[in-house]
C-alpha cells in the first residue's frame, strides 16, 4: 500500500477494489444472499471531492443498495483535513453508505471529535 500511495496509484487501486467489491456483492445478492461489503479507503480518499459521486455511480452500475456498502476510513485521514473530510463524509452519509472508522484511538484525535462525524 505505501508503494501505491507514493507512486500515485492509490486512487485507481482504491476505485478498482471498490468496483470489484460492489460487482461481487451484486452477484451474491442476485444469488439470494443478502450480503454487504466493506471497503477500506486510502487516507487520501477523503481529500477527493468527487468521491461521493464516484461511489454513487459505482453503486448504481452494480445495482447494489447504498445500505449494503460500508466504507472504512482511518482516523488519520479525517485528521489530515477535518473540515474537508467532514464535507465528504456528510455527502457519503447522505447517500446512505455506512461509515466505519478504522484504527480509532491511535493518537490522532480524541473521542470528543466523534460528535462531529455523521451518525446513523
PDB file of N, CA and C in Angstrom:
ATOM      1  N   UNK A   1       0.803  -1.192   0.000  1.00  0.00           N
ATOM      2  CA  UNK A   1       0.000   0.000   0.000  1.00  0.00           C
ATOM      3  C   UNK A   1       0.854   1.268   0.000  1.00  0.00           C
ATOM      4  N   UNK A   2       1.922   1.321   0.809  1.00  0.00           N
ATOM      5  CA  UNK A   2       2.739   2.531   0.769  1.00  0.00           C
ATOM      6  C   UNK A   2       3.296   2.804  -0.629  1.00  0.00           C
ATOM      7  N   UNK A   3       3.671   1.745  -1.359  1.00  0.00           N
ATOM      8  CA  UNK A   3       4.184   1.930  -2.711  1.00  0.00           C
ATOM      9  C   UNK A   3       3.112   2.534  -3.616  1.00  0.00           C
ATOM     10  N   UNK A   4       1.882   2.031  -3.507  1.00  0.00           N
ATOM     11  CA  UNK A   4       0.781   2.572  -4.310  1.00  0.00           C
ATOM     12  C   UNK A   4       0.505   4.022  -3.943  1.00  0.00           C
ATOM     13  N   UNK A   5       0.608   4.350  -2.659  1.00  0.00           N
ATOM     14  CA  UNK A   5       0.376   5.729  -2.222  1.00  0.00           C
ATOM     15  C   UNK A   5       1.451   6.668  -2.757  1.00  0.00           C
ATOM     16  N   UNK A   6       2.697   6.241  -2.696  1.00  0.00           N
ATOM     17  CA  UNK A   6       3.801   7.107  -3.112  1.00  0.00           C
ATOM     18  C   UNK A   6       3.933   7.200  -4.628  1.00  0.00           C
ATOM     19  N   UNK A   7       3.444   6.208  -5.347  1.00  0.00           N
ATOM     20  CA  UNK A   7       3.570   6.210  -6.806  1.00  0.00           C
ATOM     21  C   UNK A   7       2.381   6.876  -7.491  1.00  0.00           C
ATOM     22  N   UNK A   8       1.369   7.266  -6.704  1.00  0.00           N
ATOM     23  CA  UNK A   8       0.188   7.887  -7.305  1.00  0.00           C
ATOM     24  C   UNK A   8      -0.832   6.883  -7.800  1.00  0.00           C
ATOM     25  N   UNK A   9      -0.642   5.627  -7.495  1.00  0.00           N
ATOM     26  CA  UNK A   9      -1.563   4.588  -7.966  1.00  0.00           C
ATOM     27  C   UNK A   9      -2.648   4.239  -6.955  1.00  0.00           C
ATOM     28  N   UNK A  10      -2.645   4.889  -5.804  1.00  0.00           N
ATOM     29  CA  UNK A  10      -3.602   4.515  -4.760  1.00  0.00           C
ATOM     30  C   UNK A  10      -5.033   4.814  -5.172  1.00  0.00           C
ATOM     31  N   UNK A  11      -5.274   5.932  -5.850  1.00  0.00           N
ATOM     32  CA  UNK A  11      -6.647   6.249  -6.273  1.00  0.00           C
ATOM     33  C   UNK A  11      -7.189   5.194  -7.237  1.00  0.00           C
ATOM     34  N   UNK A  12      -6.467   4.878  -8.344  1.00  0.00           N
ATOM     35  CA  UNK A  12      -7.007   3.835  -9.221  1.00  0.00           C
ATOM     36  C   UNK A  12      -7.150   2.488  -8.527  1.00  0.00           C
ATOM     37  N   UNK A  13      -6.230   2.170  -7.629  1.00  0.00           N
ATOM     38  CA  UNK A  13      -6.321   0.903  -6.891  1.00  0.00           C
ATOM     39  C   UNK A  13      -7.546   0.900  -5.990  1.00  0.00           C
ATOM     40  N   UNK A  14      -7.759   1.978  -5.269  1.00  0.00           N
ATOM     41  CA  UNK A  14      -8.922   2.083  -4.381  1.00  0.00           C
ATOM     42  C   UNK A  14     -10.218   1.954  -5.174  1.00  0.00           C
ATOM     43  N   UNK A  15     -10.313   2.654  -6.291  1.00  0.00           N
ATOM     44  CA  UNK A  15     -11.529   2.606  -7.107  1.00  0.00           C
ATOM     45  C   UNK A  15     -11.735   1.225  -7.714  1.00  0.00           C
ATOM     46  N   UNK A  16     -10.649   0.569  -8.097  1.00  0.00           N
ATOM     47  CA  UNK A  16     -10.754  -0.792  -8.637  1.00  0.00           C
ATOM     48  C   UNK A  16     -11.283  -1.754  -7.576  1.00  0.00           C
ATOM     49  N   UNK A  17     -10.733  -1.669  -6.377  1.00  0.00           N
ATOM     50  CA  UNK A  17     -11.183  -2.540  -5.278  1.00  0.00           C
ATOM     51  C   UNK A  17     -12.655  -2.275  -4.973  1.00  0.00           C
ATOM     52  N   UNK A  18     -13.048  -1.009  -4.959  1.00  0.00           N
ATOM     53  CA  UNK A  18     -14.441  -0.665  -4.703  1.00  0.00           C
ATOM     54  C   UNK A  18     -15.355  -1.228  -5.791  1.00  0.00           C
ATOM     55  N   UNK A  19     -14.962  -1.057  -7.035  1.00  0.00           N
ATOM     56  CA  UNK A  19     -15.772  -1.559  -8.149  1.00  0.00           C
ATOM     57  C   UNK A  19     -15.900  -3.082  -8.126  1.00  0.00           C
ATOM     58  N   UNK A  20     -14.794  -3.773  -7.938  1.00  0.00           N
ATOM     59  CA  UNK A  20     -14.816  -5.242  -7.910  1.00  0.00           C
ATOM     60  C   UNK A  20     -15.643  -5.732  -6.721  1.00  0.00           C
ATOM     61  N   UNK A  21     -15.487  -5.087  -5.576  1.00  0.00           N
ATOM     62  CA  UNK A  21     -16.244  -5.483  -4.383  1.00  0.00           C
ATOM     63  C   UNK A  21     -17.742  -5.320  -4.597  1.00  0.00           C
ATOM     64  N   UNK A  22     -18.133  -4.220  -5.224  1.00  0.00           N
ATOM     65  CA  UNK A  22     -19.562  -3.987  -5.467  1.00  0.00           C
ATOM     66  C   UNK A  22     -20.124  -4.960  -6.502  1.00  0.00           C
ATOM     67  N   UNK A  23     -19.344  -5.259  -7.526  1.00  0.00           N
ATOM     68  CA  UNK A  23     -19.812  -6.241  -8.519  1.00  0.00           C
ATOM     69  C   UNK A  23     -19.982  -7.612  -7.868  1.00  0.00           C
ATOM     70  N   UNK A  24     -19.047  -7.976  -7.005  1.00  0.00           N
ATOM     71  CA  UNK A  24     -19.130  -9.277  -6.314  1.00  0.00           C
ATOM     72  C   UNK A  24     -20.335  -9.301  -5.369  1.00  0.00           C
ATOM     73  N   UNK A  25     -20.538  -8.212  -4.661  1.00  0.00           N
ATOM     74  CA  UNK A  25     -21.688  -8.102  -3.762  1.00  0.00           C
ATOM     75  C   UNK A  25     -22.990  -8.245  -4.550  1.00  0.00           C
ATOM     76  N   UNK A  26     -23.054  -7.603  -5.706  1.00  0.00           N
ATOM     77  CA  UNK A  26     -24.250  -7.695  -6.556  1.00  0.00           C
ATOM     78  C   UNK A  26     -24.494  -9.138  -6.984  1.00  0.00           C
ATOM     79  N   UNK A  27     -23.424  -9.835  -7.307  1.00  0.00           N
ATOM     80  CA  UNK A  27     -23.536 -11.240  -7.712  1.00  0.00           C
ATOM     81  C   UNK A  27     -24.081 -12.093  -6.575  1.00  0.00           C
ATOM     82  N   UNK A  28     -23.578 -11.887  -5.379  1.00  0.00           N
ATOM     83  CA  UNK A  28     -24.075 -12.630  -4.221  1.00  0.00           C
ATOM     84  C   UNK A  28     -25.546 -12.320  -3.962  1.00  0.00           C
ATOM     85  N   UNK A  29     -25.905 -11.066  -4.099  1.00  0.00           N
ATOM     86  CA  UNK A  29     -27.292 -10.665  -3.840  1.00  0.00           C
ATOM     87  C   UNK A  29     -28.233 -11.270  -4.889  1.00  0.00           C
ATOM     88  N   UNK A  30     -27.793 -11.312  -6.145  1.00  0.00           N
ATOM     89  CA  UNK A  30     -28.609 -11.944  -7.197  1.00  0.00           C
ATOM     90  C   UNK A  30     -28.796 -13.429  -6.927  1.00  0.00           C
ATOM     91  N   UNK A  31     -27.814 -14.036  -6.279  1.00  0.00           N
ATOM     92  CA  UNK A  31     -27.882 -15.466  -5.939  1.00  0.00           C
ATOM     93  C   UNK A  31     -28.728 -15.714  -4.696  1.00  0.00           C
ATOM     94  N   UNK A  32     -29.304 -14.644  -4.140  1.00  0.00           N
ATOM     95  CA  UNK A  32     -30.195 -14.805  -2.997  1.00  0.00           C
ATOM     96  C   UNK A  32     -29.554 -14.599  -1.636  1.00  0.00           C
ATOM     97  N   UNK A  33     -28.321 -14.153  -1.627  1.00  0.00           N
ATOM     98  CA  UNK A  33     -27.619 -13.911  -0.361  1.00  0.00           C
ATOM     99  C   UNK A  33     -27.643 -12.418  -0.054  1.00  0.00           C
ATOM    100  N   UNK A  34     -28.191 -12.049   1.069  1.00  0.00           N
ATOM    101  CA  UNK A  34     -28.297 -10.637   1.459  1.00  0.00           C
ATOM    102  C   UNK A  34     -26.956 -10.171   2.023  1.00  0.00           C
ATOM    103  N   UNK A  35     -25.986 -10.042   1.130  1.00  0.00           N
ATOM    104  CA  UNK A  35     -24.626  -9.723   1.538  1.00  0.00           C
ATOM    105  C   UNK A  35     -24.381  -8.217   1.548  1.00  0.00           C
ATOM    106  N   UNK A  36     -23.448  -7.833   2.395  1.00  0.00           N
ATOM    107  CA  UNK A  36     -22.959  -6.461   2.490  1.00  0.00           C
ATOM    108  C   UNK A  36     -21.456  -6.525   2.278  1.00  0.00           C
ATOM    109  N   UNK A  37     -20.863  -5.420   1.913  1.00  0.00           N
ATOM    110  CA  UNK A  37     -19.434  -5.403   1.683  1.00  0.00           C
ATOM    111  C   UNK A  37     -18.831  -4.164   2.345  1.00  0.00           C
ATOM    112  N   UNK A  38     -17.612  -4.317   2.856  1.00  0.00           N
ATOM    113  CA  UNK A  38     -16.877  -3.201   3.458  1.00  0.00           C
ATOM    114  C   UNK A  38     -15.578  -3.025   2.674  1.00  0.00           C
ATOM    115  N   UNK A  39     -15.260  -1.767   2.389  1.00  0.00           N
ATOM    116  CA  UNK A  39     -14.053  -1.452   1.628  1.00  0.00           C
ATOM    117  C   UNK A  39     -13.264  -0.395   2.386  1.00  0.00           C
ATOM    118  N   UNK A  40     -11.979  -0.664   2.582  1.00  0.00           N
ATOM    119  CA  UNK A  40     -11.095   0.319   3.208  1.00  0.00           C
ATOM    120  C   UNK A  40     -10.732   1.378   2.171  1.00  0.00           C
ATOM    121  N   UNK A  41     -10.833   2.630   2.577  1.00  0.00           N
ATOM    122  CA  UNK A  41     -10.404   3.724   1.713  1.00  0.00           C
ATOM    123  C   UNK A  41      -8.994   4.143   2.087  1.00  0.00           C
ATOM    124  N   UNK A  42      -8.260   4.592   1.109  1.00  0.00           N
ATOM    125  CA  UNK A  42      -6.918   5.105   1.391  1.00  0.00           C
ATOM    126  C   UNK A  42      -7.048   6.412   2.151  1.00  0.00           C
ATOM    127  N   UNK A  43      -6.037   6.773   2.912  1.00  0.00           N
ATOM    128  CA  UNK A  43      -6.099   8.029   3.669  1.00  0.00           C
ATOM    129  C   UNK A  43      -6.345   9.262   2.799  1.00  0.00           C
ATOM    130  N   UNK A  44      -5.920   9.228   1.555  1.00  0.00           N
ATOM    131  CA  UNK A  44      -6.109  10.384   0.671  1.00  0.00           C
ATOM    132  C   UNK A  44      -7.512  10.477   0.086  1.00  0.00           C
ATOM    133  N   UNK A  45      -8.303   9.439   0.200  1.00  0.00           N
ATOM    134  CA  UNK A  45      -9.622   9.410  -0.426  1.00  0.00           C
ATOM    135  C   UNK A  45     -10.536  10.531   0.040  1.00  0.00           C
ATOM    136  N   UNK A  46     -10.437  10.909   1.304  1.00  0.00           N
ATOM    137  CA  UNK A  46     -11.319  11.952   1.825  1.00  0.00           C
ATOM    138  C   UNK A  46     -10.903  13.346   1.374  1.00  0.00           C
ATOM    139  N   UNK A  47      -9.840  13.443   0.631  1.00  0.00           N
ATOM    140  CA  UNK A  47      -9.421  14.713   0.059  1.00  0.00           C
ATOM    141  C   UNK A  47      -9.906  14.865  -1.373  1.00  0.00           C
ATOM    142  N   UNK A  48     -10.617  13.859  -1.872  1.00  0.00           N
ATOM    143  CA  UNK A  48     -11.092  13.860  -3.255  1.00  0.00           C
ATOM    144  C   UNK A  48     -12.567  14.239  -3.272  1.00  0.00           C
ATOM    145  N   UNK A  49     -12.858  15.428  -3.756  1.00  0.00           N
ATOM    146  CA  UNK A  49     -14.222  15.949  -3.700  1.00  0.00           C
ATOM    147  C   UNK A  49     -15.206  15.136  -4.540  1.00  0.00           C
ATOM    148  N   UNK A  50     -14.719  14.390  -5.524  1.00  0.00           N
ATOM    149  CA  UNK A  50     -15.615  13.611  -6.373  1.00  0.00           C
ATOM    150  C   UNK A  50     -15.899  12.214  -5.828  1.00  0.00           C
ATOM    151  N   UNK A  51     -15.326  11.871  -4.687  1.00  0.00           N
ATOM    152  CA  UNK A  51     -15.515  10.529  -4.127  1.00  0.00           C
ATOM    153  C   UNK A  51     -16.986  10.147  -3.962  1.00  0.00           C
ATOM    154  N   UNK A  52     -17.838  10.985  -3.357  1.00  0.00           N
ATOM    155  CA  UNK A  52     -19.247  10.589  -3.217  1.00  0.00           C
ATOM    156  C   UNK A  52     -19.933  10.343  -4.565  1.00  0.00           C
ATOM    157  N   UNK A  53     -19.596  11.137  -5.569  1.00  0.00           N
ATOM    158  CA  UNK A  53     -20.188  10.943  -6.897  1.00  0.00           C
ATOM    159  C   UNK A  53     -19.738   9.625  -7.513  1.00  0.00           C
ATOM    160  N   UNK A  54     -18.469   9.305  -7.330  1.00  0.00           N
ATOM    161  CA  UNK A  54     -17.945   8.040  -7.860  1.00  0.00           C
ATOM    162  C   UNK A  54     -18.574   6.856  -7.140  1.00  0.00           C
ATOM    163  N   UNK A  55     -18.685   6.948  -5.830  1.00  0.00           N
ATOM    164  CA  UNK A  55     -19.314   5.866  -5.054  1.00  0.00           C
ATOM    165  C   UNK A  55     -20.760   5.675  -5.508  1.00  0.00           C
ATOM    166  N   UNK A  56     -21.493   6.760  -5.679  1.00  0.00           N
ATOM    167  CA  UNK A  56     -22.892   6.667  -6.129  1.00  0.00           C
ATOM    168  C   UNK A  56     -22.972   6.027  -7.513  1.00  0.00           C
ATOM    169  N   UNK A  57     -22.077   6.418  -8.408  1.00  0.00           N
ATOM    170  CA  UNK A  57     -22.071   5.860  -9.765  1.00  0.00           C
ATOM    171  C   UNK A  57     -21.769   4.364  -9.735  1.00  0.00           C
ATOM    172  N   UNK A  58     -20.760   3.956  -8.966  1.00  0.00           N
ATOM    173  CA  UNK A  58     -20.396   2.541  -8.900  1.00  0.00           C
ATOM    174  C   UNK A  58     -21.496   1.705  -8.257  1.00  0.00           C
ATOM    175  N   UNK A  59     -22.151   2.244  -7.238  1.00  0.00           N
ATOM    176  CA  UNK A  59     -23.282   1.534  -6.628  1.00  0.00           C
ATOM    177  C   UNK A  59     -24.401   1.348  -7.648  1.00  0.00           C
ATOM    178  N   UNK A  60     -24.698   2.397  -8.402  1.00  0.00           N
ATOM    179  CA  UNK A  60     -25.746   2.316  -9.414  1.00  0.00           C
ATOM    180  C   UNK A  60     -25.406   1.326 -10.509  1.00  0.00           C
ATOM    181  N   UNK A  61     -24.157   1.357 -10.974  1.00  0.00           N
ATOM    182  CA  UNK A  61     -23.738   0.427 -12.024  1.00  0.00           C
ATOM    183  C   UNK A  61     -23.834  -1.019 -11.558  1.00  0.00           C
ATOM    184  N   UNK A  62     -23.489  -1.258 -10.313  1.00  0.00           N
ATOM    185  CA  UNK A  62     -23.518  -2.627  -9.783  1.00  0.00           C
ATOM    186  C   UNK A  62     -24.925  -3.051  -9.376  1.00  0.00           C
ATOM    187  N   UNK A  63     -25.800  -2.067  -9.147  1.00  0.00           N
ATOM    188  CA  UNK A  63     -27.145  -2.399  -8.692  1.00  0.00           C
ATOM    189  C   UNK A  63     -27.178  -2.812  -7.235  1.00  0.00           C
ATOM    190  N   UNK A  64     -26.273  -2.262  -6.459  1.00  0.00           N
ATOM    191  CA  UNK A  64     -26.183  -2.581  -5.035  1.00  0.00           C
ATOM    192  C   UNK A  64     -26.782  -1.417  -4.243  1.00  0.00           C
ATOM    193  N   UNK A  65     -27.665  -1.698  -3.284  1.00  0.00           N
ATOM    194  CA  UNK A  65     -28.214  -0.607  -2.476  1.00  0.00           C
ATOM    195  C   UNK A  65     -27.119   0.033  -1.624  1.00  0.00           C
ATOM    196  N   UNK A  66     -27.247   1.310  -1.394  1.00  0.00           N
ATOM    197  CA  UNK A  66     -26.231   2.035  -0.631  1.00  0.00           C
ATOM    198  C   UNK A  66     -26.043   1.447   0.760  1.00  0.00           C
ATOM    199  N   UNK A  67     -27.100   0.923   1.330  1.00  0.00           N
ATOM    200  CA  UNK A  67     -27.020   0.373   2.684  1.00  0.00           C
ATOM    201  C   UNK A  67     -26.175  -0.902   2.751  1.00  0.00           C
ATOM    202  N   UNK A  68     -25.832  -1.469   1.598  1.00  0.00           N
ATOM    203  CA  UNK A  68     -25.026  -2.689   1.576  1.00  0.00           C
ATOM    204  C   UNK A  68     -23.534  -2.391   1.513  1.00  0.00           C
ATOM    205  N   UNK A  69     -23.167  -1.116   1.535  1.00  0.00           N
ATOM    206  CA  UNK A  69     -21.767  -0.733   1.461  1.00  0.00           C
ATOM    207  C   UNK A  69     -21.332  -0.017   2.728  1.00  0.00           C
ATOM    208  N   UNK A  70     -20.233  -0.470   3.295  1.00  0.00           N
ATOM    209  CA  UNK A  70     -19.582   0.219   4.402  1.00  0.00           C
ATOM    210  C   UNK A  70     -18.208   0.664   3.913  1.00  0.00           C
ATOM    211  N   UNK A  71     -17.926   1.939   4.081  1.00  0.00           N
ATOM    212  CA  UNK A  71     -16.607   2.457   3.749  1.00  0.00           C
ATOM    213  C   UNK A  71     -15.833   2.634   5.046  1.00  0.00           C
ATOM    214  N   UNK A  72     -14.681   2.010   5.112  1.00  0.00           N
ATOM    215  CA  UNK A  72     -13.838   2.087   6.300  1.00  0.00           C
ATOM    216  C   UNK A  72     -12.771   3.144   6.059  1.00  0.00           C
ATOM    217  N   UNK A  73     -12.710   4.098   6.974  1.00  0.00           N
ATOM    218  CA  UNK A  73     -11.747   5.188   6.848  1.00  0.00           C
ATOM    219  C   UNK A  73     -10.862   5.203   8.081  1.00  0.00           C
ATOM    220  N   UNK A  74      -9.657   5.665   7.902  1.00  0.00           N
ATOM    221  CA  UNK A  74      -8.765   5.734   9.056  1.00  0.00           C
ATOM    222  C   UNK A  74      -8.946   7.063   9.769  1.00  0.00           C
ATOM    223  N   UNK A  75      -8.685   7.019  11.032  1.00  0.00           N
ATOM    224  CA  UNK A  75      -8.753   8.233  11.845  1.00  0.00           C
ATOM    225  C   UNK A  75      -7.799   9.289  11.289  1.00  0.00           C
ATOM    226  N   UNK A  76      -6.637   8.868  10.827  1.00  0.00           N
ATOM    227  CA  UNK A  76      -5.644   9.811  10.305  1.00  0.00           C
ATOM    228  C   UNK A  76      -6.142  10.527   9.059  1.00  0.00           C
ATOM    229  N   UNK A  77      -6.969   9.861   8.241  1.00  0.00           N
ATOM    230  CA  UNK A  77      -7.481  10.516   7.039  1.00  0.00           C
ATOM    231  C   UNK A  77      -8.453  11.636   7.391  1.00  0.00           C
ATOM    232  N   UNK A  78      -9.149  11.499   8.494  1.00  0.00           N
ATOM    233  CA  UNK A  78     -10.055  12.558   8.950  1.00  0.00           C
ATOM    234  C   UNK A  78      -9.246  13.718   9.522  1.00  0.00           C
ATOM    235  N   UNK A  79      -8.226  13.396  10.283  1.00  0.00           N
ATOM    236  CA  UNK A  79      -7.459  14.428  10.968  1.00  0.00           C
ATOM    237  C   UNK A  79      -6.555  15.220  10.030  1.00  0.00           C
ATOM    238  N   UNK A  80      -6.237  14.672   8.854  1.00  0.00           N
ATOM    239  CA  UNK A  80      -5.393  15.392   7.902  1.00  0.00           C
ATOM    240  C   UNK A  80      -6.052  16.701   7.465  1.00  0.00           C
ATOM    241  N   UNK A  81      -7.371  16.672   7.283  1.00  0.00           N
ATOM    242  CA  UNK A  81      -8.149  17.861   6.909  1.00  0.00           C
ATOM    243  C   UNK A  81      -9.549  17.667   7.467  1.00  0.00           C
ATOM    244  N   UNK A  82      -9.752  17.925   8.763  1.00  0.00           N
ATOM    245  CA  UNK A  82     -11.039  17.632   9.395  1.00  0.00           C
ATOM    246  C   UNK A  82     -12.226  18.312   8.714  1.00  0.00           C
ATOM    247  N   UNK A  83     -12.082  19.551   8.331  1.00  0.00           N
ATOM    248  CA  UNK A  83     -13.201  20.265   7.711  1.00  0.00           C
ATOM    249  C   UNK A  83     -13.561  19.661   6.364  1.00  0.00           C
ATOM    250  N   UNK A  84     -12.562  19.452   5.519  1.00  0.00           N
ATOM    251  CA  UNK A  84     -12.811  18.858   4.206  1.00  0.00           C
ATOM    252  C   UNK A  84     -13.316  17.430   4.305  1.00  0.00           C
ATOM    253  N   UNK A  85     -12.735  16.663   5.229  1.00  0.00           N
ATOM    254  CA  UNK A  85     -13.154  15.271   5.404  1.00  0.00           C
ATOM    255  C   UNK A  85     -14.611  15.197   5.831  1.00  0.00           C
ATOM    256  N   UNK A  86     -15.026  16.097   6.719  1.00  0.00           N
ATOM    257  CA  UNK A  86     -16.414  16.077   7.186  1.00  0.00           C
ATOM    258  C   UNK A  86     -17.398  16.392   6.060  1.00  0.00           C
ATOM    259  N   UNK A  87     -17.003  17.241   5.133  1.00  0.00           N
ATOM    260  CA  UNK A  87     -17.859  17.535   3.972  1.00  0.00           C
ATOM    261  C   UNK A  87     -18.067  16.258   3.155  1.00  0.00           C
ATOM    262  N   UNK A  88     -16.978  15.555   2.887  1.00  0.00           N
ATOM    263  CA  UNK A  88     -17.060  14.307   2.105  1.00  0.00           C
ATOM    264  C   UNK A  88     -17.837  13.250   2.878  1.00  0.00           C
ATOM    265  N   UNK A  89     -17.571  13.118   4.168  1.00  0.00           N
ATOM    266  CA  UNK A  89     -18.285  12.132   4.985  1.00  0.00           C
ATOM    267  C   UNK A  89     -19.778  12.430   5.043  1.00  0.00           C
ATOM    268  N   UNK A  90     -20.138  13.698   5.162  1.00  0.00           N
ATOM    269  CA  UNK A  90     -21.557  14.069   5.160  1.00  0.00           C
ATOM    270  C   UNK A  90     -22.226  13.687   3.846  1.00  0.00           C
ATOM    271  N   UNK A  91     -21.529  13.910   2.743  1.00  0.00           N
ATOM    272  CA  UNK A  91     -22.090  13.559   1.427  1.00  0.00           C
ATOM    273  C   UNK A  91     -22.242  12.047   1.274  1.00  0.00           C
ATOM    274  N   UNK A  92     -21.257  11.289   1.750  1.00  0.00           N
ATOM    275  CA  UNK A  92     -21.354   9.820   1.699  1.00  0.00           C
ATOM    276  C   UNK A  92     -22.488   9.332   2.590  1.00  0.00           C
ATOM    277  N   UNK A  93     -22.603   9.927   3.757  1.00  0.00           N
ATOM    278  CA  UNK A  93     -23.674   9.567   4.690  1.00  0.00           C
ATOM    279  C   UNK A  93     -25.037   9.861   4.070  1.00  0.00           C
ATOM    280  N   UNK A  94     -25.155  10.992   3.379  1.00  0.00           N
ATOM    281  CA  UNK A  94     -26.415  11.358   2.740  1.00  0.00           C
ATOM    282  C   UNK A  94     -26.807  10.359   1.648  1.00  0.00           C
ATOM    283  N   UNK A  95     -25.819   9.714   1.050  1.00  0.00           N
ATOM    284  CA  UNK A  95     -26.111   8.671   0.057  1.00  0.00           C
ATOM    285  C   UNK A  95     -26.748   7.448   0.706  1.00  0.00           C
ATOM    286  N   UNK A  96     -26.445   7.244   1.985  1.00  0.00           N
ATOM    287  CA  UNK A  96     -26.924   6.052   2.677  1.00  0.00           C
ATOM    288  C   UNK A  96     -25.832   5.020   2.890  1.00  0.00           C
ATOM    289  N   UNK A  97     -24.606   5.373   2.512  1.00  0.00           N
ATOM    290  CA  UNK A  97     -23.464   4.485   2.716  1.00  0.00           C
ATOM    291  C   UNK A  97     -23.121   4.467   4.205  1.00  0.00           C
ATOM    292  N   UNK A  98     -22.772   3.300   4.712  1.00  0.00           N
ATOM    293  CA  UNK A  98     -22.349   3.197   6.110  1.00  0.00           C
ATOM    294  C   UNK A  98     -20.880   3.585   6.207  1.00  0.00           C
ATOM    295  N   UNK A  99     -20.515   4.178   7.314  1.00  0.00           N
ATOM    296  CA  UNK A  99     -19.137   4.606   7.537  1.00  0.00           C
ATOM    297  C   UNK A  99     -18.599   3.956   8.800  1.00  0.00           C
ATOM    298  N   UNK A 100     -17.360   3.520   8.736  1.00  0.00           N
ATOM    299  CA  UNK A 100     -16.705   2.920   9.896  1.00  0.00           C
ATOM    300  C   UNK A 100     -15.326   3.541  10.026  1.00  0.00           C
ATOM    301  N   UNK A 101     -14.924   3.795  11.260  1.00  0.00           N
ATOM    302  CA  UNK A 101     -13.598   4.353  11.497  1.00  0.00           C
ATOM    303  C   UNK A 101     -12.669   3.225  11.890  1.00  0.00           C
ATOM    304  N   UNK A 102     -11.592   3.118  11.139  1.00  0.00           N
ATOM    305  CA  UNK A 102     -10.574   2.108  11.383  1.00  0.00           C
ATOM    306  C   UNK A 102      -9.474   2.747  12.225  1.00  0.00           C
ATOM    307  N   UNK A 103      -8.897   2.050  13.099  1.00  0.00           N
ATOM    308  CA  UNK A 103      -7.783   2.449  13.973  1.00  0.00           C
ATOM    309  C   UNK A 103      -8.076   3.659  14.855  1.00  0.00           C
ATOM    310  N   UNK A 104      -9.307   3.783  15.319  1.00  0.00           N
ATOM    311  CA  UNK A 104      -9.659   4.884  16.210  1.00  0.00           C
ATOM    312  C   UNK A 104      -8.849   4.796  17.496  1.00  0.00           C
ATOM    313  N   UNK A 105      -8.367   5.925  17.931  1.00  0.00           N
ATOM    314  CA  UNK A 105      -7.643   5.984  19.190  1.00  0.00           C
ATOM    315  C   UNK A 105      -6.155   5.741  19.067  1.00  0.00           C
ATOM    316  N   UNK A 106      -5.630   5.865  17.870  1.00  0.00           N
ATOM    317  CA  UNK A 106      -4.193   5.632  17.695  1.00  0.00           C
ATOM    318  C   UNK A 106      -3.379   6.906  17.889  1.00  0.00           C
ATOM    319  N   UNK A 107      -4.009   7.938  18.453  1.00  0.00           N
ATOM    320  CA  UNK A 107      -3.249   9.116  18.809  1.00  0.00           C
ATOM    321  C   UNK A 107      -3.532  10.348  17.983  1.00  0.00           C
ATOM    322  N   UNK A 108      -4.394  10.260  16.994  1.00  0.00           N
ATOM    323  CA  UNK A 108      -4.633  11.406  16.126  1.00  0.00           C
ATOM    324  C   UNK A 108      -5.696  12.360  16.654  1.00  0.00           C
ATOM    325  N   UNK A 109      -6.637  11.851  17.387  1.00  0.00           N
ATOM    326  CA  UNK A 109      -7.725  12.712  17.843  1.00  0.00           C
ATOM    327  C   UNK A 109      -8.261  12.184  19.163  1.00  0.00           C
ATOM    328  N   UNK A 110      -9.214  12.910  19.689  1.00  0.00           N
ATOM    329  CA  UNK A 110      -9.839  12.474  20.931  1.00  0.00           C
ATOM    330  C   UNK A 110     -11.233  11.942  20.626  1.00  0.00           C
ATOM    331  N   UNK A 111     -11.780  11.240  21.579  1.00  0.00           N
ATOM    332  CA  UNK A 111     -13.137  10.717  21.402  1.00  0.00           C
ATOM    333  C   UNK A 111     -14.143  11.851  21.253  1.00  0.00           C
ATOM    334  N   UNK A 112     -13.832  13.019  21.781  1.00  0.00           N
ATOM    335  CA  UNK A 112     -14.725  14.165  21.653  1.00  0.00           C
ATOM    336  C   UNK A 112     -14.965  14.569  20.212  1.00  0.00           C
ATOM    337  N   UNK A 113     -14.021  14.270  19.331  1.00  0.00           N
ATOM    338  CA  UNK A 113     -14.179  14.604  17.908  1.00  0.00           C
ATOM    339  C   UNK A 113     -15.232  13.743  17.229  1.00  0.00           C
ATOM    340  N   UNK A 114     -15.586  12.619  17.842  1.00  0.00           N
ATOM    341  CA  UNK A 114     -16.597  11.736  17.248  1.00  0.00           C
ATOM    342  C   UNK A 114     -17.948  12.421  17.082  1.00  0.00           C
ATOM    343  N   UNK A 115     -18.242  13.374  17.960  1.00  0.00           N
ATOM    344  CA  UNK A 115     -19.531  14.081  17.870  1.00  0.00           C
ATOM    345  C   UNK A 115     -19.697  14.814  16.552  1.00  0.00           C
ATOM    346  N   UNK A 116     -18.607  15.165  15.917  1.00  0.00           N
ATOM    347  CA  UNK A 116     -18.648  15.915  14.674  1.00  0.00           C
ATOM    348  C   UNK A 116     -18.937  15.052  13.458  1.00  0.00           C
ATOM    349  N   UNK A 117     -18.807  13.743  13.612  1.00  0.00           N
ATOM    350  CA  UNK A 117     -18.966  12.838  12.470  1.00  0.00           C
ATOM    351  C   UNK A 117     -20.436  12.517  12.234  1.00  0.00           C
ATOM    352  N   UNK A 118     -20.796  12.264  10.961  1.00  0.00           N
ATOM    353  CA  UNK A 118     -22.183  11.872  10.674  1.00  0.00           C
ATOM    354  C   UNK A 118     -22.515  10.556  11.362  1.00  0.00           C
ATOM    355  N   UNK A 119     -23.716  10.449  11.891  1.00  0.00           N
ATOM    356  CA  UNK A 119     -24.119   9.221  12.570  1.00  0.00           C
ATOM    357  C   UNK A 119     -25.380   8.663  11.942  1.00  0.00           C
ATOM    358  N   UNK A 120     -25.586   7.454  12.250  1.00  0.00           N
ATOM    359  CA  UNK A 120     -26.775   6.776  11.748  1.00  0.00           C
ATOM    360  C   UNK A 120     -27.402   5.980  12.831  1.00  0.00           C
TER     361      UNK A 120
END
